[in-house]
Amino acid sequence: MENAPNFGMMLGWGPYLRDVAATGNIIRKADVGIAVSVVDGARSTVISGNILSDVKNGAIVGYRWRERASDDLAKDPGTWPHLSVTANRVS
């Protein structure tokens, strides 16, 4: 994905995030590289081994519906029990 005006990738919407693996993607020139749902009820999600380049407002960011709910999870994955965020490369 390249030149996305909002999210390079969007994982889930509210609690409708269930058993997802986002691995091996290349995302360039996006406002946010990967947006992922962090609302109650979201389930197991792995975000690993992605390359995110020139993402202005965060490589991987948690959202509650349309509201930004986290800092950049690529830098600090936080304590979201359903998320595993590892080995992503950000430049």
N, C-alpha and C. Protein backbone atom coordinates (compact mmCIF):
# COMPACT_ATOMS: atom_id res chain seq x y z
N MET A 1 0.85 -1.16 0.00
CA MET A 1 0.00 0.00 0.00
C MET A 1 0.90 1.23 0.00
N GLU A 2 0.55 2.19 -0.82
CA GLU A 2 1.32 3.43 -0.88
C GLU A 2 0.39 4.61 -1.12
N ASN A 3 0.71 5.73 -0.47
CA ASN A 3 -0.02 6.99 -0.62
C ASN A 3 -1.46 6.93 -0.11
N ALA A 4 -1.71 6.22 0.97
CA ALA A 4 -3.05 6.18 1.55
C ALA A 4 -3.30 7.47 2.32
N PRO A 5 -4.41 8.15 2.08
CA PRO A 5 -4.66 9.42 2.75
C PRO A 5 -4.96 9.27 4.25
N ASN A 6 -5.46 8.13 4.68
CA ASN A 6 -5.75 7.92 6.09
C ASN A 6 -4.93 6.77 6.65
N PHE A 7 -5.41 5.55 6.47
CA PHE A 7 -4.75 4.36 7.01
C PHE A 7 -4.24 3.50 5.87
N GLY A 8 -3.00 3.02 6.02
CA GLY A 8 -2.50 2.06 5.06
C GLY A 8 -3.26 0.75 5.15
N MET A 9 -3.65 0.40 6.37
CA MET A 9 -4.41 -0.81 6.62
C MET A 9 -5.27 -0.56 7.86
N MET A 10 -6.48 -1.08 7.84
CA MET A 10 -7.37 -0.94 8.99
C MET A 10 -7.82 -2.33 9.42
N LEU A 11 -7.51 -2.68 10.66
CA LEU A 11 -7.85 -4.00 11.19
C LEU A 11 -9.00 -3.90 12.16
N GLY A 12 -10.14 -4.42 11.79
CA GLY A 12 -11.30 -4.47 12.65
C GLY A 12 -12.07 -3.17 12.72
N TRP A 13 -13.27 -3.29 13.24
CA TRP A 13 -14.13 -2.13 13.48
C TRP A 13 -14.88 -2.44 14.76
N GLY A 14 -14.54 -1.72 15.80
CA GLY A 14 -15.15 -2.02 17.10
C GLY A 14 -14.82 -3.44 17.52
N PRO A 15 -15.81 -4.17 18.04
CA PRO A 15 -15.55 -5.53 18.50
C PRO A 15 -15.48 -6.55 17.36
N TYR A 16 -15.62 -6.08 16.12
CA TYR A 16 -15.61 -7.00 14.98
C TYR A 16 -14.20 -7.24 14.46
N LEU A 17 -13.30 -7.45 15.38
CA LEU A 17 -11.92 -7.82 15.09
C LEU A 17 -11.71 -9.17 15.74
N ARG A 18 -11.57 -10.19 14.93
CA ARG A 18 -11.49 -11.55 15.47
C ARG A 18 -10.42 -12.35 14.74
N ASP A 19 -9.42 -12.78 15.49
CA ASP A 19 -8.45 -13.74 14.99
C ASP A 19 -7.83 -13.33 13.66
N VAL A 20 -7.09 -12.22 13.69
CA VAL A 20 -6.47 -11.63 12.49
C VAL A 20 -4.95 -11.65 12.64
N ALA A 21 -4.27 -11.94 11.52
CA ALA A 21 -2.82 -11.82 11.47
C ALA A 21 -2.47 -10.89 10.32
N ALA A 22 -1.79 -9.79 10.62
CA ALA A 22 -1.29 -8.86 9.60
C ALA A 22 0.23 -8.98 9.62
N THR A 23 0.77 -9.73 8.68
CA THR A 23 2.20 -10.00 8.65
C THR A 23 2.75 -9.81 7.24
N GLY A 24 3.97 -9.33 7.18
CA GLY A 24 4.69 -9.23 5.92
C GLY A 24 4.20 -8.18 4.95
N ASN A 25 3.53 -7.16 5.43
CA ASN A 25 3.04 -6.09 4.56
C ASN A 25 4.05 -4.96 4.44
N ILE A 26 3.97 -4.23 3.33
CA ILE A 26 4.78 -3.04 3.14
C ILE A 26 3.82 -1.87 2.96
N ILE A 27 3.95 -0.88 3.84
CA ILE A 27 3.08 0.30 3.79
C ILE A 27 3.96 1.53 3.74
N ARG A 28 3.73 2.37 2.72
CA ARG A 28 4.52 3.58 2.53
C ARG A 28 3.61 4.78 2.37
N LYS A 29 4.03 5.90 2.93
CA LYS A 29 3.37 7.19 2.74
C LYS A 29 1.89 7.14 3.10
N ALA A 30 1.62 6.97 4.38
CA ALA A 30 0.25 6.99 4.89
C ALA A 30 0.21 7.89 6.11
N ASP A 31 -0.96 8.41 6.43
CA ASP A 31 -1.11 9.19 7.66
C ASP A 31 -0.81 8.29 8.86
N VAL A 32 -1.50 7.14 8.94
CA VAL A 32 -1.24 6.10 9.93
C VAL A 32 -1.01 4.81 9.17
N GLY A 33 0.03 4.08 9.53
CA GLY A 33 0.34 2.84 8.81
C GLY A 33 -0.73 1.79 8.99
N ILE A 34 -0.93 1.34 10.23
CA ILE A 34 -1.94 0.32 10.53
C ILE A 34 -2.79 0.82 11.68
N ALA A 35 -4.10 0.90 11.45
CA ALA A 35 -5.06 1.22 12.50
C ALA A 35 -5.67 -0.10 12.97
N VAL A 36 -5.73 -0.30 14.28
CA VAL A 36 -6.26 -1.55 14.82
C VAL A 36 -7.26 -1.25 15.93
N SER A 37 -8.35 -1.99 15.94
CA SER A 37 -9.39 -1.79 16.95
C SER A 37 -8.91 -2.25 18.33
N VAL A 38 -9.15 -1.40 19.33
CA VAL A 38 -8.80 -1.74 20.71
C VAL A 38 -10.01 -1.64 21.64
N VAL A 39 -11.22 -1.75 21.09
CA VAL A 39 -12.41 -1.69 21.93
C VAL A 39 -12.60 -3.01 22.67
N ASP A 40 -13.38 -2.97 23.75
CA ASP A 40 -13.72 -4.20 24.46
C ASP A 40 -14.41 -5.15 23.49
N GLY A 41 -14.04 -6.41 23.54
CA GLY A 41 -14.64 -7.41 22.67
C GLY A 41 -13.80 -7.75 21.46
N ALA A 42 -12.81 -6.92 21.13
CA ALA A 42 -11.89 -7.27 20.04
C ALA A 42 -11.08 -8.48 20.48
N ARG A 43 -10.76 -9.36 19.51
CA ARG A 43 -10.09 -10.60 19.87
C ARG A 43 -8.71 -10.72 19.22
N SER A 44 -8.09 -11.84 19.43
CA SER A 44 -6.69 -12.09 19.08
C SER A 44 -6.27 -11.52 17.74
N THR A 45 -5.19 -10.72 17.79
CA THR A 45 -4.64 -10.08 16.60
C THR A 45 -3.13 -10.05 16.70
N VAL A 46 -2.47 -10.47 15.63
CA VAL A 46 -1.01 -10.44 15.55
C VAL A 46 -0.63 -9.46 14.45
N ILE A 47 0.23 -8.50 14.79
CA ILE A 47 0.77 -7.54 13.83
C ILE A 47 2.29 -7.69 13.91
N SER A 48 2.87 -8.32 12.90
CA SER A 48 4.28 -8.68 13.00
C SER A 48 4.95 -8.70 11.63
N GLY A 49 6.21 -8.31 11.61
CA GLY A 49 7.02 -8.43 10.41
C GLY A 49 6.62 -7.51 9.27
N ASN A 50 6.00 -6.40 9.58
CA ASN A 50 5.61 -5.43 8.56
C ASN A 50 6.68 -4.36 8.41
N ILE A 51 6.74 -3.75 7.23
CA ILE A 51 7.63 -2.63 6.97
C ILE A 51 6.75 -1.40 6.79
N LEU A 52 6.97 -0.38 7.61
CA LEU A 52 6.17 0.85 7.56
C LEU A 52 7.11 2.02 7.38
N SER A 53 6.92 2.75 6.28
CA SER A 53 7.83 3.82 5.92
C SER A 53 7.06 5.11 5.63
N ASP A 54 7.57 6.20 6.16
CA ASP A 54 6.98 7.53 5.94
C ASP A 54 5.50 7.57 6.35
N VAL A 55 5.26 7.11 7.57
CA VAL A 55 3.91 7.18 8.15
C VAL A 55 3.91 8.35 9.13
N LYS A 56 3.12 9.35 8.84
CA LYS A 56 3.21 10.65 9.52
C LYS A 56 2.78 10.63 10.98
N ASN A 57 1.69 9.95 11.29
CA ASN A 57 1.10 10.03 12.63
C ASN A 57 1.05 8.70 13.35
N GLY A 58 2.01 7.85 13.07
CA GLY A 58 2.13 6.60 13.78
C GLY A 58 2.16 5.40 12.84
N ALA A 59 2.99 4.43 13.19
CA ALA A 59 3.10 3.22 12.39
C ALA A 59 1.92 2.28 12.66
N ILE A 60 1.66 2.02 13.94
CA ILE A 60 0.55 1.14 14.35
C ILE A 60 -0.17 1.85 15.50
N VAL A 61 -1.45 2.13 15.31
CA VAL A 61 -2.18 2.94 16.28
C VAL A 61 -3.51 2.26 16.62
N GLY A 62 -3.83 2.20 17.92
CA GLY A 62 -5.10 1.65 18.36
C GLY A 62 -6.22 2.68 18.26
N TYR A 63 -7.39 2.22 17.84
CA TYR A 63 -8.57 3.08 17.71
C TYR A 63 -9.76 2.46 18.40
N ARG A 64 -10.56 3.32 19.03
CA ARG A 64 -11.89 2.95 19.52
C ARG A 64 -12.86 3.60 18.55
N TRP A 65 -13.37 2.77 17.67
CA TRP A 65 -14.20 3.26 16.57
C TRP A 65 -13.41 4.31 15.80
N ARG A 66 -13.80 5.56 15.77
CA ARG A 66 -13.07 6.57 15.01
C ARG A 66 -12.08 7.37 15.86
N GLU A 67 -12.06 7.11 17.15
CA GLU A 67 -11.23 7.88 18.08
C GLU A 67 -9.88 7.21 18.30
N ARG A 68 -8.82 7.96 18.11
CA ARG A 68 -7.48 7.45 18.40
C ARG A 68 -7.38 7.15 19.89
N ALA A 69 -6.90 5.95 20.23
CA ALA A 69 -6.90 5.51 21.62
C ALA A 69 -5.52 5.12 22.13
N SER A 70 -4.49 5.25 21.31
CA SER A 70 -3.16 4.86 21.77
C SER A 70 -2.10 5.73 21.10
N ASP A 71 -0.91 5.66 21.67
CA ASP A 71 0.26 6.20 21.00
C ASP A 71 0.69 5.15 19.97
N ASP A 72 1.85 5.31 19.42
CA ASP A 72 2.34 4.37 18.39
C ASP A 72 2.68 3.03 19.05
N LEU A 73 1.93 1.99 18.72
CA LEU A 73 2.12 0.67 19.30
C LEU A 73 3.38 -0.02 18.78
N ALA A 74 3.94 0.47 17.67
CA ALA A 74 5.20 -0.08 17.18
C ALA A 74 6.34 0.28 18.14
N LYS A 75 6.22 1.42 18.80
CA LYS A 75 7.23 1.85 19.78
C LYS A 75 6.96 1.27 21.15
N ASP A 76 5.70 1.19 21.54
CA ASP A 76 5.30 0.67 22.85
C ASP A 76 3.97 -0.05 22.68
N PRO A 77 3.98 -1.39 22.64
CA PRO A 77 2.74 -2.13 22.39
C PRO A 77 1.69 -2.02 23.48
N GLY A 78 2.04 -1.42 24.59
CA GLY A 78 1.05 -1.21 25.64
C GLY A 78 0.54 -2.51 26.24
N THR A 79 -0.64 -2.44 26.81
CA THR A 79 -1.18 -3.59 27.53
C THR A 79 -2.53 -4.03 26.99
N TRP A 80 -2.66 -4.03 25.68
CA TRP A 80 -3.91 -4.49 25.08
C TRP A 80 -3.86 -6.02 25.04
N PRO A 81 -4.70 -6.70 25.82
CA PRO A 81 -4.57 -8.16 25.97
C PRO A 81 -4.78 -8.95 24.67
N HIS A 82 -5.49 -8.39 23.72
CA HIS A 82 -5.77 -9.14 22.49
C HIS A 82 -4.70 -8.92 21.40
N LEU A 83 -3.77 -7.99 21.62
CA LEU A 83 -2.80 -7.63 20.60
C LEU A 83 -1.41 -8.21 20.87
N SER A 84 -0.79 -8.68 19.79
CA SER A 84 0.63 -9.02 19.81
C SER A 84 1.27 -8.21 18.69
N VAL A 85 2.09 -7.23 19.06
CA VAL A 85 2.75 -6.35 18.10
C VAL A 85 4.25 -6.56 18.24
N THR A 86 4.87 -7.21 17.24
CA THR A 86 6.30 -7.55 17.33
C THR A 86 6.98 -7.45 15.98
N ALA A 87 8.28 -7.17 16.03
CA ALA A 87 9.20 -7.28 14.88
C ALA A 87 8.76 -6.49 13.65
N ASN A 88 8.15 -5.34 13.85
CA ASN A 88 7.82 -4.47 12.72
C ASN A 88 8.95 -3.47 12.53
N ARG A 89 9.23 -3.10 11.29
CA ARG A 89 10.31 -2.15 10.99
C ARG A 89 9.68 -0.84 10.56
N VAL A 90 10.09 0.24 11.22
CA VAL A 90 9.54 1.56 10.95
C VAL A 90 10.67 2.49 10.56
N SER A 91 10.47 3.21 9.45
CA SER A 91 11.49 4.18 9.03
C SER A 91 10.82 5.42 8.47
